[in-house]
Amino acid sequence: MTIKPLADRVVIKMVEAEETTKSGIILAGAAKEKPQVAEVVAVGPGGVVDGKEVKMYLKVGDKVLMSKYSGTEVKIDGNEYTILRQDDILAIVE
């Protein structure tokens, strides 16, 4: 099954959270922060949203930094994805 987002929405897959700190301490499950870096899986076509022209500047494969608790989490075929508006993406990570 594939996901095709509508309008200015983007489908992302979260990058795994770090298991250890830089100093080598192994983190327990509850101590890990929700990751904010994700990979773009699908991008909507853009167009007119709320009366304004929206140009999509993201592309599939981009690594992005997103707002911490934005979007809607969905599970499809055993994989977890987040669908959010392009406005909720803070930056592209290079």
PDB file of N, CA and C in Angstrom:
ATOM      1  N   MET A   1       0.851  -1.174   0.000  1.00  0.00           N
ATOM      2  CA  MET A   1       0.000   0.000   0.000  1.00  0.00           C
ATOM      3  C   MET A   1       0.897   1.237   0.000  1.00  0.00           C
ATOM      4  N   THR A   2       0.531   2.234  -0.787  1.00  0.00           N
ATOM      5  CA  THR A   2       1.287   3.476  -0.812  1.00  0.00           C
ATOM      6  C   THR A   2       0.431   4.621  -0.281  1.00  0.00           C
ATOM      7  N   ILE A   3       1.095   5.639   0.212  1.00  0.00           N
ATOM      8  CA  ILE A   3       0.410   6.816   0.740  1.00  0.00           C
ATOM      9  C   ILE A   3       0.657   7.969  -0.215  1.00  0.00           C
ATOM     10  N   LYS A   4      -0.403   8.625  -0.641  1.00  0.00           N
ATOM     11  CA  LYS A   4      -0.289   9.793  -1.519  1.00  0.00           C
ATOM     12  C   LYS A   4      -0.945  10.972  -0.804  1.00  0.00           C
ATOM     13  N   PRO A   5      -0.138  11.873  -0.224  1.00  0.00           N
ATOM     14  CA  PRO A   5      -0.702  13.002   0.518  1.00  0.00           C
ATOM     15  C   PRO A   5      -1.392  14.002  -0.398  1.00  0.00           C
ATOM     16  N   LEU A   6      -2.358  14.703   0.155  1.00  0.00           N
ATOM     17  CA  LEU A   6      -3.113  15.707  -0.587  1.00  0.00           C
ATOM     18  C   LEU A   6      -2.626  17.109  -0.240  1.00  0.00           C
ATOM     19  N   ALA A   7      -2.822  18.031  -1.161  1.00  0.00           N
ATOM     20  CA  ALA A   7      -2.533  19.466  -0.984  1.00  0.00           C
ATOM     21  C   ALA A   7      -1.117  19.707  -0.467  1.00  0.00           C
ATOM     22  N   ASP A   8      -0.981  20.393   0.672  1.00  0.00           N
ATOM     23  CA  ASP A   8       0.341  20.777   1.175  1.00  0.00           C
ATOM     24  C   ASP A   8       0.844  19.824   2.261  1.00  0.00           C
ATOM     25  N   ARG A   9       0.380  18.598   2.233  1.00  0.00           N
ATOM     26  CA  ARG A   9       0.797  17.635   3.260  1.00  0.00           C
ATOM     27  C   ARG A   9       2.008  16.826   2.813  1.00  0.00           C
ATOM     28  N   VAL A  10       2.758  16.350   3.810  1.00  0.00           N
ATOM     29  CA  VAL A  10       3.983  15.591   3.589  1.00  0.00           C
ATOM     30  C   VAL A  10       3.921  14.346   4.464  1.00  0.00           C
ATOM     31  N   VAL A  11       4.360  13.202   3.939  1.00  0.00           N
ATOM     32  CA  VAL A  11       4.452  11.973   4.724  1.00  0.00           C
ATOM     33  C   VAL A  11       5.919  11.759   5.067  1.00  0.00           C
ATOM     34  N   ILE A  12       6.199  11.570   6.371  1.00  0.00           N
ATOM     35  CA  ILE A  12       7.576  11.378   6.810  1.00  0.00           C
ATOM     36  C   ILE A  12       7.690  10.110   7.641  1.00  0.00           C
ATOM     37  N   LYS A  13       8.896   9.578   7.692  1.00  0.00           N
ATOM     38  CA  LYS A  13       9.196   8.428   8.546  1.00  0.00           C
ATOM     39  C   LYS A  13      10.301   8.862   9.495  1.00  0.00           C
ATOM     40  N   MET A  14      10.065   8.671  10.779  1.00  0.00           N
ATOM     41  CA  MET A  14      11.008   9.128  11.793  1.00  0.00           C
ATOM     42  C   MET A  14      12.322   8.343  11.722  1.00  0.00           C
ATOM     43  N   VAL A  15      13.425   9.042  11.958  1.00  0.00           N
ATOM     44  CA  VAL A  15      14.736   8.417  12.055  1.00  0.00           C
ATOM     45  C   VAL A  15      14.853   7.887  13.478  1.00  0.00           C
ATOM     46  N   GLU A  16      15.444   6.716  13.637  1.00  0.00           N
ATOM     47  CA  GLU A  16      15.553   6.091  14.956  1.00  0.00           C
ATOM     48  C   GLU A  16      16.268   6.993  15.949  1.00  0.00           C
ATOM     49  N   ALA A  17      15.785   6.998  17.197  1.00  0.00           N
ATOM     50  CA  ALA A  17      16.390   7.789  18.266  1.00  0.00           C
ATOM     51  C   ALA A  17      17.714   7.158  18.690  1.00  0.00           C
ATOM     52  N   GLU A  18      18.604   7.977  19.193  1.00  0.00           N
ATOM     53  CA  GLU A  18      19.893   7.504  19.668  1.00  0.00           C
ATOM     54  C   GLU A  18      19.715   6.585  20.879  1.00  0.00           C
ATOM     55  N   GLU A  19      20.440   5.483  20.887  1.00  0.00           N
ATOM     56  CA  GLU A  19      20.384   4.540  22.003  1.00  0.00           C
ATOM     57  C   GLU A  19      21.363   4.929  23.110  1.00  0.00           C
ATOM     58  N   THR A  20      22.434   5.655  22.743  1.00  0.00           N
ATOM     59  CA  THR A  20      23.443   6.043  23.725  1.00  0.00           C
ATOM     60  C   THR A  20      23.728   7.537  23.600  1.00  0.00           C
ATOM     61  N   THR A  21      24.232   8.129  24.678  1.00  0.00           N
ATOM     62  CA  THR A  21      24.623   9.531  24.641  1.00  0.00           C
ATOM     63  C   THR A  21      26.021   9.629  24.051  1.00  0.00           C
ATOM     64  N   LYS A  22      26.486  10.848  23.812  1.00  0.00           N
ATOM     65  CA  LYS A  22      27.837  11.042  23.267  1.00  0.00           C
ATOM     66  C   LYS A  22      28.909  10.507  24.198  1.00  0.00           C
ATOM     67  N   SER A  23      28.630  10.510  25.505  1.00  0.00           N
ATOM     68  CA  SER A  23      29.617  10.013  26.468  1.00  0.00           C
ATOM     69  C   SER A  23      29.549   8.501  26.648  1.00  0.00           C
ATOM     70  N   GLY A  24      28.600   7.822  25.958  1.00  0.00           N
ATOM     71  CA  GLY A  24      28.533   6.373  26.010  1.00  0.00           C
ATOM     72  C   GLY A  24      27.511   5.792  26.964  1.00  0.00           C
ATOM     73  N   ILE A  25      26.700   6.618  27.597  1.00  0.00           N
ATOM     74  CA  ILE A  25      25.678   6.126  28.517  1.00  0.00           C
ATOM     75  C   ILE A  25      24.509   5.576  27.703  1.00  0.00           C
ATOM     76  N   ILE A  26      24.082   4.341  28.016  1.00  0.00           N
ATOM     77  CA  ILE A  26      22.960   3.720  27.319  1.00  0.00           C
ATOM     78  C   ILE A  26      21.660   4.217  27.948  1.00  0.00           C
ATOM     79  N   LEU A  27      20.742   4.701  27.092  1.00  0.00           N
ATOM     80  CA  LEU A  27      19.486   5.270  27.569  1.00  0.00           C
ATOM     81  C   LEU A  27      18.392   4.214  27.655  1.00  0.00           C
ATOM     82  N   ALA A  28      17.601   4.270  28.722  1.00  0.00           N
ATOM     83  CA  ALA A  28      16.427   3.413  28.860  1.00  0.00           C
ATOM     84  C   ALA A  28      15.330   3.933  27.939  1.00  0.00           C
ATOM     85  N   GLY A  29      14.345   3.110  27.639  1.00  0.00           N
ATOM     86  CA  GLY A  29      13.274   3.491  26.728  1.00  0.00           C
ATOM     87  C   GLY A  29      12.555   4.760  27.133  1.00  0.00           C
ATOM     88  N   ALA A  30      12.292   4.950  28.415  1.00  0.00           N
ATOM     89  CA  ALA A  30      11.556   6.124  28.885  1.00  0.00           C
ATOM     90  C   ALA A  30      12.401   7.392  28.846  1.00  0.00           C
ATOM     91  N   ALA A  31      13.718   7.254  28.846  1.00  0.00           N
ATOM     92  CA  ALA A  31      14.599   8.419  28.879  1.00  0.00           C
ATOM     93  C   ALA A  31      14.854   9.004  27.499  1.00  0.00           C
ATOM     94  N   LYS A  32      14.501   8.275  26.440  1.00  0.00           N
ATOM     95  CA  LYS A  32      14.738   8.758  25.084  1.00  0.00           C
ATOM     96  C   LYS A  32      13.736   9.838  24.726  1.00  0.00           C
ATOM     97  N   GLU A  33      14.217  10.874  24.047  1.00  0.00           N
ATOM     98  CA  GLU A  33      13.331  11.923  23.559  1.00  0.00           C
ATOM     99  C   GLU A  33      12.752  11.488  22.222  1.00  0.00           C
ATOM    100  N   LYS A  34      11.579  12.005  21.920  1.00  0.00           N
ATOM    101  CA  LYS A  34      10.986  11.740  20.615  1.00  0.00           C
ATOM    102  C   LYS A  34      11.887  12.370  19.557  1.00  0.00           C
ATOM    103  N   PRO A  35      12.273  11.615  18.537  1.00  0.00           N
ATOM    104  CA  PRO A  35      13.167  12.185  17.522  1.00  0.00           C
ATOM    105  C   PRO A  35      12.480  13.302  16.741  1.00  0.00           C
ATOM    106  N   GLN A  36      13.267  14.275  16.310  1.00  0.00           N
ATOM    107  CA  GLN A  36      12.731  15.383  15.533  1.00  0.00           C
ATOM    108  C   GLN A  36      13.232  15.349  14.096  1.00  0.00           C
ATOM    109  N   VAL A  37      14.139  14.419  13.783  1.00  0.00           N
ATOM    110  CA  VAL A  37      14.658  14.302  12.426  1.00  0.00           C
ATOM    111  C   VAL A  37      13.924  13.160  11.738  1.00  0.00           C
ATOM    112  N   ALA A  38      13.479  13.418  10.503  1.00  0.00           N
ATOM    113  CA  ALA A  38      12.717  12.420   9.762  1.00  0.00           C
ATOM    114  C   ALA A  38      13.117  12.466   8.288  1.00  0.00           C
ATOM    115  N   GLU A  39      12.729  11.414   7.573  1.00  0.00           N
ATOM    116  CA  GLU A  39      12.973  11.350   6.135  1.00  0.00           C
ATOM    117  C   GLU A  39      11.640  11.481   5.412  1.00  0.00           C
ATOM    118  N   VAL A  40      11.610  12.305   4.368  1.00  0.00           N
ATOM    119  CA  VAL A  40      10.390  12.522   3.591  1.00  0.00           C
ATOM    120  C   VAL A  40      10.140  11.296   2.718  1.00  0.00           C
ATOM    121  N   VAL A  41       8.927  10.727   2.827  1.00  0.00           N
ATOM    122  CA  VAL A  41       8.543   9.535   2.076  1.00  0.00           C
ATOM    123  C   VAL A  41       7.673   9.897   0.875  1.00  0.00           C
ATOM    124  N   ALA A  42       6.785  10.900   1.043  1.00  0.00           N
ATOM    125  CA  ALA A  42       5.910  11.332  -0.039  1.00  0.00           C
ATOM    126  C   ALA A  42       5.558  12.798   0.163  1.00  0.00           C
ATOM    127  N   VAL A  43       5.313  13.494  -0.952  1.00  0.00           N
ATOM    128  CA  VAL A  43       4.998  14.929  -0.914  1.00  0.00           C
ATOM    129  C   VAL A  43       3.737  15.176  -1.727  1.00  0.00           C
ATOM    130  N   GLY A  44       2.827  15.975  -1.175  1.00  0.00           N
ATOM    131  CA  GLY A  44       1.601  16.341  -1.885  1.00  0.00           C
ATOM    132  C   GLY A  44       1.898  17.284  -3.043  1.00  0.00           C
ATOM    133  N   PRO A  45       0.908  17.529  -3.892  1.00  0.00           N
ATOM    134  CA  PRO A  45       1.112  18.359  -5.083  1.00  0.00           C
ATOM    135  C   PRO A  45       1.153  19.859  -4.829  1.00  0.00           C
ATOM    136  N   GLY A  46       0.747  20.300  -3.647  1.00  0.00           N
ATOM    137  CA  GLY A  46       0.679  21.746  -3.400  1.00  0.00           C
ATOM    138  C   GLY A  46      -0.615  22.290  -3.967  1.00  0.00           C
ATOM    139  N   GLY A  47      -0.559  23.476  -4.554  1.00  0.00           N
ATOM    140  CA  GLY A  47      -1.764  24.074  -5.132  1.00  0.00           C
ATOM    141  C   GLY A  47      -2.314  25.169  -4.250  1.00  0.00           C
ATOM    142  N   VAL A  48      -3.622  25.408  -4.351  1.00  0.00           N
ATOM    143  CA  VAL A  48      -4.267  26.456  -3.574  1.00  0.00           C
ATOM    144  C   VAL A  48      -4.814  25.857  -2.280  1.00  0.00           C
ATOM    145  N   VAL A  49      -4.329  26.384  -1.140  1.00  0.00           N
ATOM    146  CA  VAL A  49      -4.774  25.929   0.172  1.00  0.00           C
ATOM    147  C   VAL A  49      -5.225  27.163   0.943  1.00  0.00           C
ATOM    148  N   ASP A  50      -6.458  27.155   1.415  1.00  0.00           N
ATOM    149  CA  ASP A  50      -7.040  28.286   2.142  1.00  0.00           C
ATOM    150  C   ASP A  50      -6.920  29.591   1.354  1.00  0.00           C
ATOM    151  N   GLY A  51      -7.081  29.520   0.045  1.00  0.00           N
ATOM    152  CA  GLY A  51      -7.051  30.705  -0.803  1.00  0.00           C
ATOM    153  C   GLY A  51      -5.663  31.221  -1.146  1.00  0.00           C
ATOM    154  N   LYS A  52      -4.619  30.513  -0.728  1.00  0.00           N
ATOM    155  CA  LYS A  52      -3.246  30.935  -1.016  1.00  0.00           C
ATOM    156  C   LYS A  52      -2.531  29.872  -1.830  1.00  0.00           C
ATOM    157  N   GLU A  53      -1.698  30.310  -2.762  1.00  0.00           N
ATOM    158  CA  GLU A  53      -0.898  29.391  -3.573  1.00  0.00           C
ATOM    159  C   GLU A  53       0.213  28.805  -2.714  1.00  0.00           C
ATOM    160  N   VAL A  54       0.314  27.473  -2.678  1.00  0.00           N
ATOM    161  CA  VAL A  54       1.349  26.799  -1.894  1.00  0.00           C
ATOM    162  C   VAL A  54       2.271  26.047  -2.843  1.00  0.00           C
ATOM    163  N   LYS A  55       3.559  26.393  -2.805  1.00  0.00           N
ATOM    164  CA  LYS A  55       4.571  25.716  -3.614  1.00  0.00           C
ATOM    165  C   LYS A  55       5.296  24.714  -2.718  1.00  0.00           C
ATOM    166  N   MET A  56       5.409  23.488  -3.163  1.00  0.00           N
ATOM    167  CA  MET A  56       6.082  22.452  -2.381  1.00  0.00           C
ATOM    168  C   MET A  56       7.584  22.518  -2.678  1.00  0.00           C
ATOM    169  N   TYR A  57       8.379  22.714  -1.649  1.00  0.00           N
ATOM    170  CA  TYR A  57       9.823  22.801  -1.814  1.00  0.00           C
ATOM    171  C   TYR A  57      10.548  21.577  -1.275  1.00  0.00           C
ATOM    172  N   LEU A  58       9.817  20.621  -0.709  1.00  0.00           N
ATOM    173  CA  LEU A  58      10.424  19.376  -0.236  1.00  0.00           C
ATOM    174  C   LEU A  58      10.346  18.318  -1.322  1.00  0.00           C
ATOM    175  N   LYS A  59      11.241  17.339  -1.262  1.00  0.00           N
ATOM    176  CA  LYS A  59      11.193  16.226  -2.201  1.00  0.00           C
ATOM    177  C   LYS A  59      11.447  14.928  -1.436  1.00  0.00           C
ATOM    178  N   VAL A  60      11.047  13.827  -2.016  1.00  0.00           N
ATOM    179  CA  VAL A  60      11.224  12.521  -1.390  1.00  0.00           C
ATOM    180  C   VAL A  60      12.709  12.272  -1.142  1.00  0.00           C
ATOM    181  N   GLY A  61      13.034  11.798   0.057  1.00  0.00           N
ATOM    182  CA  GLY A  61      14.422  11.519   0.418  1.00  0.00           C
ATOM    183  C   GLY A  61      15.073  12.606   1.256  1.00  0.00           C
ATOM    184  N   ASP A  62      14.471  13.800   1.307  1.00  0.00           N
ATOM    185  CA  ASP A  62      15.024  14.879   2.137  1.00  0.00           C
ATOM    186  C   ASP A  62      14.985  14.480   3.607  1.00  0.00           C
ATOM    187  N   LYS A  63      16.017  14.836   4.356  1.00  0.00           N
ATOM    188  CA  LYS A  63      16.013  14.693   5.812  1.00  0.00           C
ATOM    189  C   LYS A  63      15.563  16.041   6.358  1.00  0.00           C
ATOM    190  N   VAL A  64      14.568  16.028   7.228  1.00  0.00           N
ATOM    191  CA  VAL A  64      13.989  17.266   7.722  1.00  0.00           C
ATOM    192  C   VAL A  64      13.941  17.299   9.242  1.00  0.00           C
ATOM    193  N   LEU A  65      13.879  18.511   9.766  1.00  0.00           N
ATOM    194  CA  LEU A  65      13.709  18.756  11.190  1.00  0.00           C
ATOM    195  C   LEU A  65      12.296  19.277  11.358  1.00  0.00           C
ATOM    196  N   MET A  66      11.516  18.632  12.234  1.00  0.00           N
ATOM    197  CA  MET A  66      10.111  18.991  12.365  1.00  0.00           C
ATOM    198  C   MET A  66       9.777  19.454  13.771  1.00  0.00           C
ATOM    199  N   SER A  67       8.621  20.090  13.922  1.00  0.00           N
ATOM    200  CA  SER A  67       8.135  20.468  15.241  1.00  0.00           C
ATOM    201  C   SER A  67       7.953  19.202  16.071  1.00  0.00           C
ATOM    202  N   LYS A  68       8.203  19.292  17.359  1.00  0.00           N
ATOM    203  CA  LYS A  68       8.268  18.106  18.213  1.00  0.00           C
ATOM    204  C   LYS A  68       7.007  17.247  18.227  1.00  0.00           C
ATOM    205  N   TYR A  69       5.844  17.829  18.388  1.00  0.00           N
ATOM    206  CA  TYR A  69       4.618  17.036  18.489  1.00  0.00           C
ATOM    207  C   TYR A  69       3.608  17.381  17.404  1.00  0.00           C
ATOM    208  N   SER A  70       4.088  17.612  16.189  1.00  0.00           N
ATOM    209  CA  SER A  70       3.189  17.986  15.103  1.00  0.00           C
ATOM    210  C   SER A  70       2.791  16.769  14.277  1.00  0.00           C
ATOM    211  N   GLY A  71       1.730  16.908  13.529  1.00  0.00           N
ATOM    212  CA  GLY A  71       1.315  15.871  12.604  1.00  0.00           C
ATOM    213  C   GLY A  71       0.440  14.804  13.221  1.00  0.00           C
ATOM    214  N   THR A  72       0.028  13.883  12.354  1.00  0.00           N
ATOM    215  CA  THR A  72      -0.805  12.753  12.742  1.00  0.00           C
ATOM    216  C   THR A  72      -0.036  11.477  12.466  1.00  0.00           C
ATOM    217  N   GLU A  73       0.110  10.642  13.481  1.00  0.00           N
ATOM    218  CA  GLU A  73       0.839   9.380  13.319  1.00  0.00           C
ATOM    219  C   GLU A  73      -0.113   8.312  12.812  1.00  0.00           C
ATOM    220  N   VAL A  74       0.328   7.565  11.778  1.00  0.00           N
ATOM    221  CA  VAL A  74      -0.456   6.471  11.212  1.00  0.00           C
ATOM    222  C   VAL A  74       0.434   5.241  11.081  1.00  0.00           C
ATOM    223  N   LYS A  75      -0.192   4.067  11.112  1.00  0.00           N
ATOM    224  CA  LYS A  75       0.544   2.812  10.954  1.00  0.00           C
ATOM    225  C   LYS A  75      -0.037   2.075   9.756  1.00  0.00           C
ATOM    226  N   ILE A  76       0.812   1.825   8.754  1.00  0.00           N
ATOM    227  CA  ILE A  76       0.377   1.150   7.538  1.00  0.00           C
ATOM    228  C   ILE A  76       1.357   0.030   7.228  1.00  0.00           C
ATOM    229  N   ASP A  77       0.834  -1.177   7.055  1.00  0.00           N
ATOM    230  CA  ASP A  77       1.648  -2.363   6.759  1.00  0.00           C
ATOM    231  C   ASP A  77       2.779  -2.550   7.760  1.00  0.00           C
ATOM    232  N   GLY A  78       2.532  -2.240   9.025  1.00  0.00           N
ATOM    233  CA  GLY A  78       3.532  -2.431  10.068  1.00  0.00           C
ATOM    234  C   GLY A  78       4.551  -1.308  10.186  1.00  0.00           C
ATOM    235  N   ASN A  79       4.489  -0.310   9.323  1.00  0.00           N
ATOM    236  CA  ASN A  79       5.407   0.830   9.381  1.00  0.00           C
ATOM    237  C   ASN A  79       4.685   2.045   9.943  1.00  0.00           C
ATOM    238  N   GLU A  80       5.398   2.834  10.749  1.00  0.00           N
ATOM    239  CA  GLU A  80       4.810   4.040  11.327  1.00  0.00           C
ATOM    240  C   GLU A  80       5.241   5.270  10.532  1.00  0.00           C
ATOM    241  N   TYR A  81       4.272   6.089  10.158  1.00  0.00           N
ATOM    242  CA  TYR A  81       4.503   7.314   9.407  1.00  0.00           C
ATOM    243  C   TYR A  81       3.830   8.466  10.129  1.00  0.00           C
ATOM    244  N   THR A  82       4.248   9.677   9.804  1.00  0.00           N
ATOM    245  CA  THR A  82       3.592  10.878  10.304  1.00  0.00           C
ATOM    246  C   THR A  82       3.194  11.715   9.097  1.00  0.00           C
ATOM    247  N   ILE A  83       1.947  12.177   9.083  1.00  0.00           N
ATOM    248  CA  ILE A  83       1.465  13.052   8.016  1.00  0.00           C
ATOM    249  C   ILE A  83       1.278  14.437   8.619  1.00  0.00           C
ATOM    250  N   LEU A  84       1.916  15.429   8.006  1.00  0.00           N
ATOM    251  CA  LEU A  84       1.835  16.796   8.519  1.00  0.00           C
ATOM    252  C   LEU A  84       1.876  17.792   7.383  1.00  0.00           C
ATOM    253  N   ARG A  85       1.543  19.021   7.696  1.00  0.00           N
ATOM    254  CA  ARG A  85       1.594  20.092   6.698  1.00  0.00           C
ATOM    255  C   ARG A  85       3.045  20.532   6.493  1.00  0.00           C
ATOM    256  N   GLN A  86       3.326  21.019   5.307  1.00  0.00           N
ATOM    257  CA  GLN A  86       4.670  21.505   5.006  1.00  0.00           C
ATOM    258  C   GLN A  86       5.081  22.610   5.978  1.00  0.00           C
ATOM    259  N   ASP A  87       4.122  23.400   6.478  1.00  0.00           N
ATOM    260  CA  ASP A  87       4.419  24.477   7.429  1.00  0.00           C
ATOM    261  C   ASP A  87       5.007  23.969   8.738  1.00  0.00           C
ATOM    262  N   ASP A  88       4.742  22.702   9.103  1.00  0.00           N
ATOM    263  CA  ASP A  88       5.256  22.137  10.350  1.00  0.00           C
ATOM    264  C   ASP A  88       6.710  21.672  10.242  1.00  0.00           C
ATOM    265  N   ILE A  89       7.263  21.693   9.021  1.00  0.00           N
ATOM    266  CA  ILE A  89       8.671  21.348   8.812  1.00  0.00           C
ATOM    267  C   ILE A  89       9.495  22.599   9.102  1.00  0.00           C
ATOM    268  N   LEU A  90      10.474  22.465   9.986  1.00  0.00           N
ATOM    269  CA  LEU A  90      11.284  23.623  10.398  1.00  0.00           C
ATOM    270  C   LEU A  90      12.491  23.853   9.499  1.00  0.00           C
ATOM    271  N   ALA A  91      13.127  22.765   9.031  1.00  0.00           N
ATOM    272  CA  ALA A  91      14.360  22.924   8.235  1.00  0.00           C
ATOM    273  C   ALA A  91      14.672  21.624   7.508  1.00  0.00           C
ATOM    274  N   ILE A  92      15.504  21.733   6.475  1.00  0.00           N
ATOM    275  CA  ILE A  92      16.048  20.568   5.783  1.00  0.00           C
ATOM    276  C   ILE A  92      17.444  20.338   6.336  1.00  0.00           C
ATOM    277  N   VAL A  93      17.753  19.099   6.736  1.00  0.00           N
ATOM    278  CA  VAL A  93      19.049  18.765   7.301  1.00  0.00           C
ATOM    279  C   VAL A  93      19.950  18.246   6.189  1.00  0.00           C
ATOM    280  N   GLU A  94      21.106  18.855   6.023  1.00  0.00           N
ATOM    281  CA  GLU A  94      22.049  18.429   4.977  1.00  0.00           C
ATOM    282  C   GLU A  94      23.253  17.755   5.563  1.00  0.00           C
TER     283      GLU A  94
END
